[in-house]
Structures are given as structure tokens and as C-alpha cells.
Amino acid sequence: MRLVTISDRGVMIGALRDNDVVLLDSVAPDMLTLIEMGPSGLRQAAQIVREALPHNLRPLDQVRLLAPIPRPTKNIVCLGMNYAEHARESLRAKGLPERLPEHPVFFTKAVTTVNHPEGGIPLDERVTQQLDYEVELAVIIGVGGKNIRREAAMQHVWGYTIINDVTARDLQNRHQQFFKGKSLDGTCPMGPCILTADEVPDPSELRLRLRVNGELRQDSSVADLIFDIPTIIEVLSLGQTLEPGDIIATGTPSGVAMGMQPPRWLKVGDVIEAEIDRIGTLRNTVVPA
């Protein structure tokens, strides 16, 4: 299923079916609750989708899509330099030796960064002059756990969505760590849906693309991850409990603005399309803050 959160006389969840949204408010009030319900919740949702009656349908073009999880319970966990070519372009841009990471590089984005499909990405030039983009496959945890073994890791995945990890590079460099430059308000467009894990037998087959004003900037495959999803979950959960609804953004491929000569930072009016096979496309415009 492709699950969404919508605004339609209130905020509710649904499932995409052709050009309609099948309302799932009778199953759960929000996406986090549905995730916590586990397989039972998905079975109930699937039955409603199969048997949907006209009164339970909303035309997709008549509702507003929100981020699938508009307010995560915890910061979004992200992976830095998890595609080889992006790691190299990042190091070159900083004048550092092109050495690939030996261990996953984790950081987080604040929950206040979450933005919606079609939402405006704020650019306050008093705060940053180096706004960048990063298309990423995000993993949604369904079954919590600690010290999860690699061979069992995929059993803990509930679904997948798209994140555009918008980054203020000047703040990232100024503060010598990732959090501040990654956590400006509205810099995490998410969606347009969550594709449930049963629909993705092998996530490594998914391709990622990002366009700015129609120009292809990023184009890669999840198969190119340095640390794959089972490794990420195994390492992250070592001594640390993962919980249902946790979001893990797995990293971005090469082609970011920072790696260009000269860099091509985002500006007001730019339209960014972040696309992943089978999940859809995030389309956001940079707007003045």
C-alpha cells in the first residue's frame, strides 16, 4: 500500500488507490498509531482499501497531501556520506583527502524541519547563503528493538518514503557538525507517501533522482549505498533502542550543489523534484522566509 496523511476537513490518514484516497480514519487517527498497531493495522487497512465504498473515497486532486508523519516523536536519523561518489565530492569541496568512511556517519534533523509535499522551503538569506538539496530514501521502523542482528534487520522495517535533506552548508561548516545546518525549519520535505515494506522485496533496486528547475542533478540507485539498510539498522540499534515510527534517512548520492564548480546553491523560486521509484515525487519550491 501507498499510505498518506491528508488534510480534508481535518488531518487523517488514507491509502492511494488510482486517483483516489481511501480514508483509513476508522482504523487509526494518524500514521504513528497505525505503525504501532503492527500487522493488524495493515491488515485492517488493506481490507478497507479492497472494499472501499464511495463515501470513503476522496479524489486525490481535492485533498492536500501532508508529510506522512507530520510530527515525528523523535529527531530524524540521517546518514552522511553514504554513497561513495557523494562522499568524495563532499571531501573535495572541503579540501580533505578522499577517504571513504569506515563506519556509518550518523546525525539528526530536528522534528521542526518536517515539510509537506508541495510545501515551500524557506530561504532566509540572513541565516544562510548556501542552501543545498539531497534526495534520500527514508526507512520507517515498524518493530522496535535493540542490538538488532543484520540478518533480522529488514523484519523491523515498516515502509519507505522520500526525504529531501535540505542543508545550509555554511552553517554546517561554521559549527563543525551537522545538526544546525540540517535543522532549519522546513528543510525536510517528506512524502508523498509511505510505501509499505511488503511492496518492496528488494529496496536496493530503487532508483533516486533529483531535478532543480527540470535539470537532472542526482541520479543513482539504492544499491550504491556504502552501508546498506541492514547494516544501518544493526549499527544504529547497537546499545540504542529503535522504536515504531522512527525515521532513518539513508544518505544521498552525488550531484549536490556543494560539489559543483562553482557551487550552484538554491535560490528563491527554484523548483526541486526529488523522486524515488514506486514511491513518487516530492515537488517543493524555495520561498522567501
Protein backbone atom coordinates (compact mmCIF):
# COMPACT_ATOMS: atom_id res chain seq x y z
CA MET A 1 0.00 0.00 0.00
CA ARG A 2 0.92 3.63 -0.50
CA LEU A 3 -0.17 5.35 2.69
CA VAL A 4 -0.67 9.09 3.04
CA THR A 5 -1.62 11.76 5.53
CA ILE A 6 -4.04 14.31 4.14
CA SER A 7 -5.83 17.49 5.12
CA ASP A 8 -9.56 17.11 4.36
CA ARG A 9 -11.87 18.62 6.97
CA GLY A 10 -9.16 17.76 9.46
CA VAL A 11 -5.99 15.67 9.33
CA MET A 12 -6.44 11.96 8.63
CA ILE A 13 -4.67 9.05 7.01
CA GLY A 14 -5.52 7.17 3.85
CA ALA A 15 -4.24 4.89 1.11
CA LEU A 16 -3.75 5.81 -2.53
CA ARG A 17 -5.87 3.84 -5.00
CA ASP A 18 -5.73 5.00 -8.60
CA ASN A 19 -6.69 8.70 -8.47
CA ASP A 20 -8.42 8.49 -5.10
CA VAL A 21 -7.52 8.42 -1.43
CA VAL A 22 -9.26 5.68 0.57
CA LEU A 23 -9.84 7.08 4.05
CA LEU A 24 -8.47 4.98 6.91
CA ASP A 25 -9.68 7.07 9.84
CA SER A 26 -11.74 4.10 11.06
CA VAL A 27 -8.50 2.13 11.52
CA ALA A 28 -6.26 4.74 13.15
CA PRO A 29 -6.31 8.50 13.77
CA ASP A 30 -2.77 9.06 12.47
CA MET A 31 0.18 7.32 10.87
CA LEU A 32 2.14 6.79 14.09
CA THR A 33 -0.81 4.96 15.63
CA LEU A 34 -1.18 2.80 12.52
CA ILE A 35 2.53 1.90 12.69
CA GLU A 36 2.24 0.97 16.37
CA MET A 37 -0.68 -1.36 15.52
CA GLY A 38 1.73 -3.54 13.55
CA PRO A 39 0.48 -6.21 11.11
CA SER A 40 -3.07 -6.00 12.47
CA GLY A 41 -3.33 -2.36 11.43
CA LEU A 42 -2.06 -3.07 7.93
CA ARG A 43 -4.50 -5.97 7.53
CA GLN A 44 -7.41 -3.76 8.52
CA ALA A 45 -6.23 -1.01 6.19
CA ALA A 46 -5.83 -3.42 3.27
CA GLN A 47 -9.36 -4.74 3.76
CA ILE A 48 -10.81 -1.22 3.71
CA VAL A 49 -8.87 -0.44 0.53
CA ARG A 50 -10.23 -3.58 -1.15
CA GLU A 51 -13.81 -2.93 -0.10
CA ALA A 52 -13.83 0.89 -0.28
CA LEU A 53 -17.28 2.42 -0.77
CA PRO A 54 -17.85 5.80 -2.48
CA HIS A 55 -18.42 7.64 0.80
CA ASN A 56 -14.95 6.51 1.92
CA LEU A 57 -13.14 7.95 -1.12
CA ARG A 58 -11.69 11.40 -1.74
CA PRO A 59 -10.37 12.47 -5.18
CA LEU A 60 -6.63 12.92 -4.83
CA ASP A 61 -6.72 16.30 -6.57
CA GLN A 62 -9.21 17.62 -4.00
CA VAL A 63 -7.16 16.99 -0.86
CA ARG A 64 -3.84 18.34 0.39
CA LEU A 65 -1.09 15.80 0.93
CA LEU A 66 0.85 16.32 4.15
CA ALA A 67 4.08 14.69 5.24
CA PRO A 68 3.17 11.05 6.03
CA ILE A 69 4.39 11.61 9.60
CA PRO A 70 3.85 15.34 10.12
CA ARG A 71 5.34 15.37 13.62
CA PRO A 72 7.77 12.51 14.36
CA THR A 73 8.20 11.59 18.01
CA LYS A 74 11.99 11.87 17.72
CA ASN A 75 14.56 13.58 15.55
CA ILE A 76 15.04 12.08 12.10
CA VAL A 77 18.22 10.00 11.99
CA CYS A 78 20.32 10.64 8.88
CA LEU A 79 23.38 9.10 7.26
CA GLY A 80 26.17 11.32 5.99
CA MET A 81 28.47 10.38 3.09
CA ASN A 82 26.78 7.01 2.47
CA TYR A 83 27.22 6.99 -1.31
CA ALA A 84 30.83 6.72 -2.46
CA GLU A 85 30.76 9.49 -5.09
CA HIS A 86 28.92 11.85 -2.75
CA ALA A 87 31.46 11.15 -0.01
CA ARG A 88 34.24 12.04 -2.43
CA GLU A 89 32.58 15.23 -3.68
CA SER A 90 31.93 16.33 -0.09
CA LEU A 91 35.55 15.78 0.91
CA ARG A 92 36.85 17.53 -2.21
CA ALA A 93 34.64 20.54 -1.50
CA LYS A 94 36.23 20.80 1.96
CA GLY A 95 39.78 20.24 0.68
CA LEU A 96 40.10 16.95 2.57
CA PRO A 97 41.57 13.61 1.43
CA GLU A 98 39.04 11.47 -0.43
CA ARG A 99 38.81 8.70 2.16
CA LEU A 100 35.55 6.79 2.42
CA PRO A 101 34.03 6.38 5.91
CA GLU A 102 34.82 3.14 7.71
CA HIS A 103 31.69 3.36 9.86
CA PRO A 104 28.24 4.90 9.28
CA VAL A 105 28.16 8.66 9.91
CA PHE A 106 25.01 9.44 11.91
CA PHE A 107 23.44 12.82 12.61
CA THR A 108 19.86 14.04 13.16
CA LYS A 109 17.42 16.63 11.86
CA ALA A 110 15.03 18.30 14.29
CA VAL A 111 11.34 17.37 14.08
CA THR A 112 10.56 21.02 13.26
CA THR A 113 12.27 20.56 9.88
CA VAL A 114 9.44 18.36 8.54
CA ASN A 115 7.75 19.87 5.48
CA HIS A 116 4.98 18.64 3.20
CA PRO A 117 4.78 17.61 -0.45
CA GLU A 118 4.37 20.88 -2.40
CA GLY A 119 5.37 22.83 0.74
CA GLY A 120 7.57 25.90 0.34
CA ILE A 121 11.17 25.53 1.52
CA PRO A 122 12.03 28.73 3.41
CA LEU A 123 15.21 30.59 2.50
CA ASP A 124 16.26 33.36 4.89
CA GLU A 125 19.40 34.90 3.41
CA ARG A 126 20.18 36.48 6.79
CA VAL A 127 20.66 32.93 8.07
CA THR A 128 22.20 31.07 5.11
CA GLN A 129 23.51 31.82 1.63
CA GLN A 130 24.37 28.19 0.84
CA LEU A 131 21.17 26.18 0.74
CA ASP A 132 21.60 22.71 -0.77
CA TYR A 133 19.40 19.70 -1.63
CA GLU A 134 19.74 15.94 -1.03
CA VAL A 135 17.29 13.27 -2.22
CA GLU A 136 17.21 10.30 0.17
CA LEU A 137 15.36 7.04 0.72
CA ALA A 138 14.00 7.04 4.26
CA VAL A 139 13.26 3.87 6.24
CA ILE A 140 10.32 3.81 8.66
CA ILE A 141 10.81 1.46 11.62
CA GLY A 142 7.79 -0.72 12.43
CA VAL A 143 9.02 -3.19 15.04
CA GLY A 144 11.24 -1.68 17.70
CA GLY A 145 14.32 -3.33 19.09
CA LYS A 146 17.84 -3.06 20.44
CA ASN A 147 21.02 -4.82 19.32
CA ILE A 148 19.23 -5.96 16.15
CA ARG A 149 21.18 -8.51 14.13
CA ARG A 150 21.84 -7.67 10.49
CA GLU A 151 20.09 -10.81 9.27
CA ALA A 152 16.90 -9.80 11.16
CA ALA A 153 17.05 -6.09 10.39
CA MET A 154 14.58 -5.99 7.50
CA GLN A 155 11.89 -7.53 9.73
CA HIS A 156 11.91 -4.21 11.62
CA VAL A 157 11.15 -2.09 8.52
CA TRP A 158 7.54 -0.92 8.14
CA GLY A 159 7.93 1.10 4.97
CA TYR A 160 9.81 3.67 2.91
CA THR A 161 9.36 7.31 1.97
CA ILE A 162 11.32 10.14 0.34
CA ILE A 163 13.14 12.87 2.21
CA ASN A 164 14.83 15.92 0.75
CA ASP A 165 17.55 16.62 3.31
CA VAL A 166 17.84 20.35 2.58
CA THR A 167 21.06 21.67 4.15
CA ALA A 168 22.57 25.05 4.97
CA ARG A 169 26.18 24.24 4.07
CA ASP A 170 27.64 27.43 5.51
CA LEU A 171 26.07 26.69 8.90
CA GLN A 172 27.18 23.06 8.68
CA ASN A 173 30.77 24.15 8.13
CA ARG A 174 30.68 27.07 10.58
CA HIS A 175 29.56 24.96 13.53
CA GLN A 176 31.83 21.98 12.71
CA GLN A 177 28.97 19.46 12.95
CA PHE A 178 25.83 18.63 11.04
CA PHE A 179 22.88 19.37 13.34
CA LYS A 180 22.48 23.15 12.99
CA GLY A 181 22.97 23.24 9.24
CA LYS A 182 20.49 20.38 8.83
CA SER A 183 17.78 21.65 11.18
CA LEU A 184 16.40 24.93 9.87
CA ASP A 185 12.61 25.00 9.86
CA GLY A 186 11.00 23.43 6.80
CA THR A 187 14.17 21.81 5.49
CA CYS A 188 12.87 18.24 5.47
CA PRO A 189 10.18 17.76 2.83
CA MET A 190 8.82 14.25 3.27
CA GLY A 191 6.45 12.04 1.27
CA PRO A 192 4.40 11.99 -0.82
CA CYS A 193 3.52 8.62 0.75
CA ILE A 194 4.90 5.70 2.71
CA LEU A 195 5.28 2.60 0.55
CA THR A 196 4.82 -0.38 2.85
CA ALA A 197 7.71 -2.82 3.10
CA ASP A 198 5.75 -5.73 1.64
CA GLU A 199 5.66 -3.81 -1.66
CA VAL A 200 9.48 -3.58 -1.80
CA PRO A 201 11.08 -7.04 -1.71
CA ASP A 202 14.49 -5.54 -2.55
CA PRO A 203 14.93 -1.81 -1.81
CA SER A 204 18.37 -1.87 -3.46
CA GLU A 205 16.54 -1.93 -6.81
CA LEU A 206 15.02 1.52 -6.22
CA ARG A 207 16.47 4.49 -8.12
CA LEU A 208 16.73 8.03 -6.78
CA ARG A 209 16.64 11.20 -8.90
CA LEU A 210 16.57 14.90 -8.14
CA ARG A 211 15.90 17.78 -10.51
CA VAL A 212 16.23 21.52 -10.00
CA ASN A 213 14.07 23.53 -12.40
CA GLY A 214 13.85 20.43 -14.60
CA GLU A 215 17.64 19.86 -14.71
CA LEU A 216 18.71 16.40 -13.54
CA ARG A 217 21.24 16.84 -10.73
CA GLN A 218 21.20 13.49 -8.89
CA ASP A 219 20.62 10.02 -10.36
CA SER A 220 21.65 6.84 -8.57
CA SER A 221 20.45 3.55 -7.10
CA VAL A 222 19.96 2.43 -3.50
CA ALA A 223 22.28 -0.43 -4.47
CA ASP A 224 25.12 2.12 -4.39
CA LEU A 225 24.88 2.67 -0.62
CA ILE A 226 28.19 2.16 1.17
CA PHE A 227 26.36 0.88 4.27
CA ASP A 228 23.15 -0.88 3.26
CA ILE A 229 19.89 -0.80 5.20
CA PRO A 230 20.52 -3.96 7.29
CA THR A 231 23.95 -2.59 8.28
CA ILE A 232 22.50 0.80 9.18
CA ILE A 233 19.85 -0.78 11.43
CA GLU A 234 22.35 -3.17 13.03
CA VAL A 235 24.86 -0.43 13.86
CA LEU A 236 22.31 2.19 14.92
CA SER A 237 20.49 -0.22 17.24
CA LEU A 238 23.69 -1.32 18.99
CA GLY A 239 23.05 -0.29 22.59
CA GLN A 240 20.27 2.02 21.40
CA THR A 241 16.55 1.20 21.23
CA LEU A 242 14.75 1.84 17.96
CA GLU A 243 11.01 2.43 18.27
CA PRO A 244 8.00 2.19 15.95
CA GLY A 245 7.77 5.33 13.81
CA ASP A 246 11.48 6.13 13.93
CA ILE A 247 12.68 7.56 10.62
CA ILE A 248 16.13 6.85 9.16
CA ALA A 249 17.26 8.73 6.04
CA THR A 250 19.87 6.54 4.36
CA GLY A 251 22.05 9.13 2.60
CA THR A 252 22.23 10.98 -0.71
CA PRO A 253 24.08 10.31 -3.97
CA SER A 254 26.47 12.68 -5.74
CA GLY A 255 25.32 15.77 -7.60
CA VAL A 256 24.64 18.15 -4.72
CA ALA A 257 25.18 21.88 -5.20
CA MET A 258 28.18 21.88 -2.84
CA GLY A 259 30.10 19.54 -5.15
CA MET A 260 29.78 21.72 -8.27
CA GLN A 261 32.41 24.15 -9.52
CA PRO A 262 31.29 26.76 -8.73
CA PRO A 263 28.59 25.60 -6.28
CA ARG A 264 25.03 26.19 -7.51
CA TRP A 265 23.15 26.99 -4.32
CA LEU A 266 19.38 27.03 -4.22
CA LYS A 267 17.66 30.39 -4.65
CA VAL A 268 14.14 31.69 -4.20
CA GLY A 269 11.89 30.38 -6.97
CA ASP A 270 13.82 27.17 -7.61
CA VAL A 271 11.60 24.10 -8.01
CA ILE A 272 13.09 20.88 -6.60
CA GLU A 273 11.74 17.47 -7.58
CA ALA A 274 13.00 14.54 -5.50
CA GLU A 275 11.88 11.21 -6.98
CA ILE A 276 12.25 7.56 -5.99
CA ASP A 277 10.84 4.67 -8.00
CA ARG A 278 7.40 3.45 -6.86
CA ILE A 279 7.16 5.99 -4.03
CA GLY A 280 6.59 9.09 -6.13
CA THR A 281 7.91 12.63 -6.36
CA LEU A 282 8.36 15.39 -3.82
CA ARG A 283 7.96 18.76 -5.54
CA ASN A 284 8.89 21.81 -3.48
CA THR A 285 9.65 25.42 -4.30
CA VAL A 286 12.16 27.62 -2.46
CA VAL A 287 10.34 30.61 -0.99
CA PRO A 288 11.48 33.67 0.97
CA ALA A 289 11.34 33.10 4.72
